[in-house]
Amino acid sequence: MLQPPLKRLAAATIDFRSLEDPPQISHKKTCCDDSAIAGEGVPTLKPHRLTMPEPSHRRERLISDTMTIIALIVVTLAAIGILFVARHFLMLVFGAVLIGVVVNRVAGIVNRWLPWDWKRIYRVGFVLLAAVLFFIGGSFGFASSIGDQIVKFSERVDTSATRVIEAAEDQPIVKRFREEVSLGKMLPSSGKSLGLAKTLFASTFGALTDVLILVILGAYFSVSPKTYQTGALRVLPVAWREPAKTLFSDSAATLWRWMLGRLLATTIVGVCFGIGLALLGVPLPLELGVFAGLVTFVPNLGGIAAVLPALLLASGEGSSSVIGVLVLYLVIQFGESYLITPLVQQKQVELPPAMVILAQVVAGLLFGVWGIMFATPLVALALLWVRRVYVENYLESA
């Protein structure tokens, strides 16, 4: 007698009590013959067992994942520590890259002007040689021009100091002071003098070493930039190499635009400073204006170096000239730091003016003098990379 189909299916049972082996569904043909199709019999499902991973396997996987996470954290912290310790050298490397980009762009412009085609190494060598000769010639020209004025100023200072000393020696308070305070007490001790000499020597030697490293690395990057670019691309996955190559090209264009903006800002400062000194009657206004434009390339510190020789020469013209030079310096320094440079950089590399000022402050605290000098191009590159790598390829492509 045939049973109802639902009862026959209910008779098929699956045993899940033992969880040792995973369930296996068989795709083989069961006992579905012609008689079963005819209704004489219904295929029954065989009982299967469902198993979970053994506790030992789960424990090993948990340990492996934990060790991987710990290793990643240690490597990340070690990389951050190395970058922090070597941050001074990294800024020199970035400056050398900037020099290489600028020299290659100038070499390309020179090649378009020349009637014959030079190889890259000859063009770069010509640009570097011209830069060195310009620096040496400008230094000697400025020194020779200001040398006579310094000699006259020193003679005038000696004469004035002699008169002041002779007049002061006749005053009773000066005589009493000389009796109570000896010259030996006013001079620093030998230990302090030696410490100051060591500090000055170390600072001077360190600055010269930094400049030498910067120039040598910049020359190497200028001669063969493709070598270093290819080496940087080969460590990336193949799918990333073409976008990275485009990003490197755009980064070089950003650095070049920043340099053009910086040259424009320093030119404006030099012209304004030279015209102001000429109106005040200070000697050598042209030389002082050129010098101010060159040293203003270094933010903040360059302005101080520019005003010192101007004050030195203005002191020979009277106190009114000194006050006028100080006022002129403060006005130009304020305009250069908070108006000219931020607005020019906003036009050239699309940097907000507030970002330029904040970048100089933060980079100065982290990297020192070189951080102040290269803060703006570093932030410009950072914004470019964030926009290309994160915003365009991640946020906007999702």
Protein backbone atom coordinates (compact mmCIF):
# COMPACT_ATOMS: atom_id res chain seq x y z
CA MET A 1 0.00 0.00 0.00
CA LEU A 2 1.43 3.35 -1.00
CA GLN A 3 2.12 5.91 1.75
CA PRO A 4 1.30 9.59 1.29
CA PRO A 5 4.33 11.56 -0.07
CA LEU A 6 4.59 13.90 2.97
CA LYS A 7 4.80 10.97 5.36
CA ARG A 8 7.48 9.32 3.27
CA LEU A 9 9.53 12.58 3.24
CA ALA A 10 9.10 12.99 7.00
CA ALA A 11 10.58 9.56 7.41
CA ALA A 12 13.84 10.87 5.96
CA THR A 13 15.95 12.08 8.90
CA ILE A 14 19.25 14.04 9.17
CA ASP A 15 21.45 13.42 12.16
CA PHE A 16 23.14 16.68 13.35
CA ARG A 17 24.11 15.38 16.74
CA SER A 18 27.68 14.56 15.86
CA LEU A 19 29.63 17.60 14.58
CA GLU A 20 32.86 15.99 13.46
CA ASP A 21 32.72 15.98 9.65
CA PRO A 22 31.32 18.70 7.37
CA PRO A 23 28.10 17.78 5.55
CA GLN A 24 28.67 16.39 2.12
CA ILE A 25 25.88 16.60 -0.41
CA SER A 26 26.11 13.77 -2.88
CA HIS A 27 25.24 14.48 -6.45
CA LYS A 28 25.17 10.82 -7.38
CA LYS A 29 21.96 9.30 -8.67
CA THR A 30 20.00 7.67 -5.87
CA CYS A 31 17.65 4.79 -6.09
CA CYS A 32 15.32 6.58 -8.43
CA ASP A 33 14.59 3.85 -10.95
CA ASP A 34 11.58 3.38 -13.14
CA SER A 35 9.59 1.89 -10.33
CA ALA A 36 10.20 4.89 -8.13
CA ILE A 37 9.14 7.24 -10.92
CA ALA A 38 6.04 5.16 -11.33
CA GLY A 39 5.19 5.77 -7.72
CA GLU A 40 6.24 2.44 -6.34
CA GLY A 41 9.02 3.98 -4.23
CA VAL A 42 10.41 7.39 -3.21
CA PRO A 43 14.18 8.03 -2.80
CA THR A 44 15.23 8.64 0.77
CA LEU A 45 17.93 11.09 1.97
CA LYS A 46 20.87 9.52 3.72
CA PRO A 47 21.85 10.98 7.11
CA HIS A 48 24.92 13.33 7.02
CA ARG A 49 27.02 14.92 9.71
CA LEU A 50 27.95 18.68 10.04
CA THR A 51 31.28 19.45 11.74
CA MET A 52 32.97 22.66 12.98
CA PRO A 53 36.75 23.43 12.86
CA GLU A 54 38.69 21.84 15.65
CA PRO A 55 39.66 24.11 18.56
CA SER A 56 43.39 23.64 17.83
CA HIS A 57 43.01 25.02 14.30
CA ARG A 58 41.13 28.07 15.53
CA ARG A 59 43.74 28.69 18.20
CA GLU A 60 46.59 28.57 15.65
CA ARG A 61 44.79 30.97 13.33
CA LEU A 62 44.11 33.40 16.17
CA ILE A 63 47.79 33.35 17.17
CA SER A 64 48.88 33.91 13.57
CA ASP A 65 46.54 36.90 13.11
CA THR A 66 47.66 38.41 16.42
CA MET A 67 51.35 38.10 15.55
CA THR A 68 50.71 39.69 12.14
CA ILE A 69 48.98 42.70 13.71
CA ILE A 70 51.77 43.11 16.28
CA ALA A 71 54.40 42.95 13.54
CA LEU A 72 52.61 45.61 11.50
CA ILE A 73 52.36 47.90 14.54
CA VAL A 74 56.07 47.45 15.35
CA VAL A 75 57.13 48.11 11.75
CA THR A 76 54.94 51.22 11.58
CA LEU A 77 56.31 52.62 14.84
CA ALA A 78 59.88 51.87 13.76
CA ALA A 79 59.32 53.64 10.44
CA ILE A 80 57.86 56.67 12.21
CA GLY A 81 60.82 56.74 14.61
CA ILE A 82 63.36 56.54 11.78
CA LEU A 83 61.60 59.30 9.88
CA PHE A 84 61.56 61.49 12.98
CA VAL A 85 65.26 60.95 13.68
CA ALA A 86 66.23 61.51 10.03
CA ARG A 87 63.81 64.39 9.43
CA HIS A 88 66.68 66.86 8.97
CA PHE A 89 68.29 64.75 6.25
CA LEU A 90 64.93 64.13 4.59
CA MET A 91 64.44 67.88 4.21
CA LEU A 92 67.85 68.09 2.52
CA VAL A 93 66.81 65.31 0.13
CA PHE A 94 63.60 67.18 -0.66
CA GLY A 95 65.61 70.36 -1.29
CA ALA A 96 67.92 68.43 -3.61
CA VAL A 97 64.91 67.13 -5.55
CA LEU A 98 63.66 70.71 -5.84
CA ILE A 99 67.05 71.83 -7.18
CA GLY A 100 67.06 68.97 -9.68
CA VAL A 101 63.61 69.89 -10.98
CA VAL A 102 64.48 73.59 -11.35
CA VAL A 103 67.84 72.93 -13.04
CA ASN A 104 66.26 70.54 -15.55
CA ARG A 105 63.50 73.02 -16.39
CA VAL A 106 66.04 75.81 -16.89
CA ALA A 107 68.19 73.46 -18.99
CA GLY A 108 65.18 72.75 -21.20
CA ILE A 109 64.56 76.47 -21.68
CA VAL A 110 68.23 77.00 -22.56
CA ASN A 111 68.06 74.18 -25.09
CA ARG A 112 65.14 75.89 -26.84
CA TRP A 113 67.12 79.11 -27.09
CA LEU A 114 70.29 77.53 -28.48
CA PRO A 115 70.55 76.88 -32.22
CA TRP A 116 71.91 73.36 -31.66
CA ASP A 117 70.67 70.43 -29.61
CA TRP A 118 72.75 69.52 -26.56
CA LYS A 119 72.63 66.36 -24.50
CA ARG A 120 71.07 66.58 -21.06
CA ILE A 121 74.38 66.33 -19.24
CA TYR A 122 75.85 69.27 -21.19
CA ARG A 123 72.77 71.43 -20.67
CA VAL A 124 72.67 70.69 -16.95
CA GLY A 125 76.40 71.30 -16.64
CA PHE A 126 76.05 74.64 -18.39
CA VAL A 127 73.23 75.73 -16.06
CA LEU A 128 75.11 74.64 -12.92
CA LEU A 129 78.30 76.38 -14.06
CA ALA A 130 76.40 79.57 -14.85
CA ALA A 131 74.73 79.48 -11.42
CA VAL A 132 78.08 79.03 -9.63
CA LEU A 133 79.73 81.83 -11.62
CA PHE A 134 76.79 84.13 -10.96
CA PHE A 135 76.96 83.44 -7.23
CA ILE A 136 80.72 83.97 -7.04
CA GLY A 137 80.67 87.09 -9.22
CA GLY A 138 77.77 88.59 -7.33
CA SER A 139 79.43 87.92 -3.97
CA PHE A 140 82.71 89.54 -5.02
CA GLY A 141 80.92 92.47 -6.64
CA PHE A 142 78.82 93.14 -3.58
CA ALA A 143 81.81 92.77 -1.26
CA SER A 144 83.93 95.17 -3.31
CA SER A 145 81.12 97.72 -3.54
CA ILE A 146 80.36 97.70 0.14
CA GLY A 147 84.00 97.41 1.22
CA ASP A 148 84.78 101.10 0.82
CA GLN A 149 81.63 102.07 2.68
CA ILE A 150 82.52 99.71 5.55
CA VAL A 151 86.01 101.20 5.82
CA LYS A 152 84.62 104.74 5.96
CA PHE A 153 81.98 103.66 8.45
CA SER A 154 84.55 101.96 10.73
CA GLU A 155 86.76 105.07 10.71
CA ARG A 156 83.75 107.22 11.57
CA VAL A 157 82.73 104.84 14.37
CA ASP A 158 86.27 104.82 15.79
CA THR A 159 86.41 108.61 15.83
CA SER A 160 82.99 108.92 17.45
CA ALA A 161 83.77 106.22 20.01
CA THR A 162 87.03 107.93 20.97
CA ARG A 163 85.24 111.22 21.55
CA VAL A 164 82.52 109.55 23.62
CA ILE A 165 85.08 107.72 25.77
CA GLU A 166 87.13 110.84 26.37
CA ALA A 167 84.05 112.79 27.38
CA ALA A 168 82.79 109.99 29.63
CA GLU A 169 86.07 109.56 31.48
CA ASP A 170 85.71 113.03 32.97
CA GLN A 171 82.38 112.14 34.60
CA PRO A 172 82.54 111.19 38.34
CA ILE A 173 80.09 108.30 38.00
CA VAL A 174 82.24 106.71 35.30
CA LYS A 175 85.37 106.97 37.45
CA ARG A 176 83.55 105.31 40.37
CA PHE A 177 82.23 102.57 38.13
CA ARG A 178 85.73 101.83 36.79
CA GLU A 179 87.06 101.51 40.32
CA GLU A 180 84.32 99.05 41.43
CA VAL A 181 84.08 96.90 38.30
CA SER A 182 87.25 95.58 36.76
CA LEU A 183 87.65 94.45 33.19
CA GLY A 184 88.32 90.87 34.23
CA LYS A 185 84.93 90.57 35.91
CA MET A 186 83.13 91.86 32.82
CA LEU A 187 84.77 89.40 30.45
CA PRO A 188 83.42 85.82 30.29
CA SER A 189 85.46 83.02 31.80
CA SER A 190 87.71 80.82 29.70
CA GLY A 191 85.34 77.87 30.01
CA LYS A 192 82.37 79.84 28.76
CA SER A 193 84.43 81.33 25.94
CA LEU A 194 85.55 77.86 24.85
CA GLY A 195 81.95 76.63 24.96
CA LEU A 196 80.75 79.53 22.84
CA ALA A 197 83.56 78.95 20.35
CA LYS A 198 82.66 75.24 20.07
CA THR A 199 78.98 76.05 19.57
CA LEU A 200 79.75 78.63 16.90
CA PHE A 201 82.14 76.27 15.10
CA ALA A 202 79.66 73.38 15.22
CA SER A 203 76.83 75.55 13.90
CA THR A 204 78.96 76.97 11.09
CA PHE A 205 80.37 73.57 10.15
CA GLY A 206 76.91 71.99 10.24
CA ALA A 207 75.44 74.69 8.00
CA LEU A 208 78.29 74.34 5.47
CA THR A 209 77.90 70.55 5.51
CA ASP A 210 74.16 70.85 4.86
CA VAL A 211 74.74 73.20 1.94
CA LEU A 212 77.39 70.86 0.50
CA ILE A 213 75.07 67.83 0.76
CA LEU A 214 72.25 69.85 -0.80
CA VAL A 215 74.38 70.96 -3.75
CA ILE A 216 75.88 67.51 -4.43
CA LEU A 217 72.56 65.68 -4.27
CA GLY A 218 70.91 68.37 -6.39
CA ALA A 219 73.62 67.99 -9.05
CA TYR A 220 73.18 64.21 -9.18
CA PHE A 221 69.39 64.49 -9.39
CA SER A 222 69.78 67.08 -12.16
CA VAL A 223 72.12 64.99 -14.31
CA SER A 224 70.13 61.74 -14.33
CA PRO A 225 66.58 62.20 -13.03
CA LYS A 226 65.21 59.27 -15.08
CA THR A 227 67.43 56.83 -13.19
CA TYR A 228 65.97 57.72 -9.81
CA GLN A 229 62.42 57.94 -11.16
CA THR A 230 62.68 54.49 -12.74
CA GLY A 231 64.07 53.05 -9.52
CA ALA A 232 61.18 54.50 -7.54
CA LEU A 233 58.64 53.11 -10.01
CA ARG A 234 60.09 49.58 -10.02
CA VAL A 235 59.33 49.07 -6.32
CA LEU A 236 55.61 49.66 -6.99
CA PRO A 237 53.12 47.10 -8.32
CA VAL A 238 52.80 47.04 -12.09
CA ALA A 239 49.24 48.40 -12.01
CA TRP A 240 50.40 51.45 -10.03
CA ARG A 241 53.39 52.42 -12.16
CA GLU A 242 51.65 54.44 -14.85
CA PRO A 243 49.55 56.53 -12.40
CA ALA A 244 52.66 57.03 -10.24
CA LYS A 245 54.62 58.22 -13.29
CA THR A 246 51.91 60.77 -14.04
CA LEU A 247 51.93 61.85 -10.39
CA PHE A 248 55.72 62.37 -10.47
CA SER A 249 55.39 64.51 -13.60
CA ASP A 250 52.67 66.65 -12.01
CA SER A 251 54.76 66.99 -8.85
CA ALA A 252 57.69 68.33 -10.88
CA ALA A 253 55.37 70.85 -12.55
CA THR A 254 54.08 71.95 -9.13
CA LEU A 255 57.61 72.51 -7.82
CA TRP A 256 58.51 74.51 -10.91
CA ARG A 257 55.46 76.76 -10.53
CA TRP A 258 56.32 77.28 -6.86
CA MET A 259 59.84 78.34 -7.81
CA LEU A 260 58.52 80.83 -10.35
CA GLY A 261 56.20 82.28 -7.72
CA ARG A 262 59.02 82.52 -5.21
CA LEU A 263 61.28 84.28 -7.72
CA LEU A 264 58.49 86.76 -8.46
CA ALA A 265 58.00 87.50 -4.75
CA THR A 266 61.73 88.01 -4.11
CA THR A 267 62.01 90.27 -7.16
CA ILE A 268 59.19 92.47 -5.86
CA VAL A 269 60.89 92.66 -2.44
CA GLY A 270 64.27 93.54 -3.94
CA VAL A 271 62.87 96.28 -6.18
CA CYS A 272 60.82 97.85 -3.37
CA PHE A 273 63.73 97.71 -0.93
CA GLY A 274 66.16 99.25 -3.41
CA ILE A 275 63.77 102.09 -4.32
CA GLY A 276 63.08 102.78 -0.65
CA LEU A 277 66.78 102.96 0.20
CA ALA A 278 67.39 105.31 -2.73
CA LEU A 279 64.63 107.62 -1.50
CA LEU A 280 66.13 107.59 2.02
CA GLY A 281 69.56 108.51 0.69
CA VAL A 282 71.29 105.31 1.84
CA PRO A 283 74.48 104.47 -0.11
CA LEU A 284 74.50 101.54 -2.60
CA PRO A 285 70.72 101.16 -2.99
CA LEU A 286 71.06 98.99 -6.12
CA GLU A 287 73.47 96.53 -4.52
CA LEU A 288 71.43 96.37 -1.33
CA GLY A 289 68.22 95.82 -3.29
CA VAL A 290 69.74 92.90 -5.24
CA PHE A 291 71.13 91.43 -2.02
CA ALA A 292 67.75 91.75 -0.30
CA GLY A 293 66.01 90.02 -3.20
CA LEU A 294 68.45 87.10 -3.10
CA VAL A 295 68.43 86.46 0.64
CA THR A 296 64.66 86.93 0.94
CA PHE A 297 64.36 83.54 -0.75
CA VAL A 298 64.77 82.21 2.80
CA PRO A 299 61.54 83.24 4.60
CA ASN A 300 61.83 85.36 7.74
CA LEU A 301 65.59 84.84 8.27
CA GLY A 302 66.40 86.27 4.85
CA GLY A 303 64.71 89.55 5.70
CA ILE A 304 66.88 89.97 8.79
CA ALA A 305 70.02 89.30 6.76
CA ALA A 306 68.88 91.85 4.17
CA VAL A 307 68.38 94.72 6.61
CA LEU A 308 71.68 94.41 8.52
CA PRO A 309 74.00 95.88 5.85
CA ALA A 310 71.39 98.55 5.09
CA LEU A 311 71.36 99.59 8.76
CA LEU A 312 75.15 99.55 8.80
CA LEU A 313 75.38 101.98 5.90
CA ALA A 314 72.44 104.10 7.06
CA SER A 315 74.07 104.69 10.44
CA GLY A 316 76.71 106.78 8.72
CA GLU A 317 74.02 109.10 7.38
CA GLY A 318 72.41 109.84 10.74
CA SER A 319 69.77 108.52 13.10
CA SER A 320 66.91 109.57 10.84
CA SER A 321 68.21 107.28 8.08
CA VAL A 322 68.45 104.37 10.53
CA ILE A 323 64.85 104.86 11.66
CA GLY A 324 63.73 105.14 8.04
CA VAL A 325 65.46 101.87 7.11
CA LEU A 326 63.86 100.10 10.07
CA VAL A 327 60.39 101.33 9.11
CA LEU A 328 61.01 100.37 5.48
CA TYR A 329 62.15 96.90 6.52
CA LEU A 330 59.13 96.31 8.75
CA VAL A 331 56.70 97.41 6.04
CA ILE A 332 58.33 95.26 3.34
CA GLN A 333 58.71 92.28 5.65
CA PHE A 334 55.06 92.43 6.64
CA GLY A 335 53.94 92.79 3.04
CA GLU A 336 56.19 89.94 1.86
CA SER A 337 55.21 87.51 4.61
CA TYR A 338 51.47 88.17 4.78
CA LEU A 339 50.51 89.61 1.38
CA ILE A 340 52.97 89.05 -1.49
CA THR A 341 54.08 85.47 -0.83
CA PRO A 342 50.66 84.03 0.14
CA LEU A 343 48.88 85.67 -2.81
CA VAL A 344 51.56 84.67 -5.33
CA GLN A 345 51.62 81.08 -4.07
CA GLN A 346 47.84 80.94 -4.20
CA LYS A 347 48.02 81.91 -7.87
CA GLN A 348 50.91 79.59 -8.78
CA VAL A 349 50.25 76.41 -6.78
CA GLU A 350 46.67 76.99 -5.56
CA LEU A 351 47.62 77.25 -1.90
CA PRO A 352 45.35 79.21 0.46
CA PRO A 353 47.23 82.13 2.08
CA ALA A 354 46.54 80.86 5.60
CA MET A 355 47.95 77.45 4.63
CA VAL A 356 51.27 79.04 3.62
CA ILE A 357 51.69 80.78 6.99
CA LEU A 358 50.67 77.72 9.01
CA ALA A 359 52.99 75.52 6.95
CA GLN A 360 55.99 77.73 7.73
CA VAL A 361 55.22 77.70 11.45
CA VAL A 362 54.70 73.92 11.71
CA ALA A 363 57.64 73.04 9.45
CA GLY A 364 59.89 75.41 11.38
CA LEU A 365 59.02 73.66 14.64
CA LEU A 366 59.58 70.19 13.18
CA PHE A 367 62.48 70.65 10.74
CA GLY A 368 64.19 73.91 11.74
CA VAL A 369 65.60 76.35 9.18
CA TRP A 370 65.29 73.96 6.24
CA GLY A 371 61.68 73.34 7.16
CA ILE A 372 60.93 77.07 6.99
CA MET A 373 62.64 77.31 3.60
CA PHE A 374 60.87 74.32 2.00
CA ALA A 375 57.56 74.46 3.86
CA THR A 376 55.49 75.88 1.01
CA PRO A 377 56.56 73.44 -1.76
CA LEU A 378 56.26 70.54 0.68
CA VAL A 379 52.65 71.45 1.51
CA ALA A 380 51.89 72.02 -2.18
CA LEU A 381 53.10 68.48 -2.98
CA ALA A 382 51.20 67.03 -0.03
CA LEU A 383 47.94 68.60 -1.22
CA LEU A 384 48.57 67.35 -4.77
CA TRP A 385 49.19 63.78 -3.61
CA VAL A 386 46.15 63.75 -1.31
CA ARG A 387 43.96 65.06 -4.11
CA ARG A 388 45.21 62.51 -6.68
CA VAL A 389 45.63 59.42 -4.51
CA TYR A 390 42.84 59.76 -1.95
CA VAL A 391 40.18 62.13 -3.27
CA GLU A 392 40.12 61.25 -6.99
CA ASN A 393 41.03 57.55 -6.81
CA TYR A 394 39.16 56.63 -3.64
CA LEU A 395 36.38 59.03 -2.68
CA GLU A 396 35.21 60.21 -6.08
CA SER A 397 35.69 56.87 -7.84
CA ALA A 398 33.54 54.97 -5.33
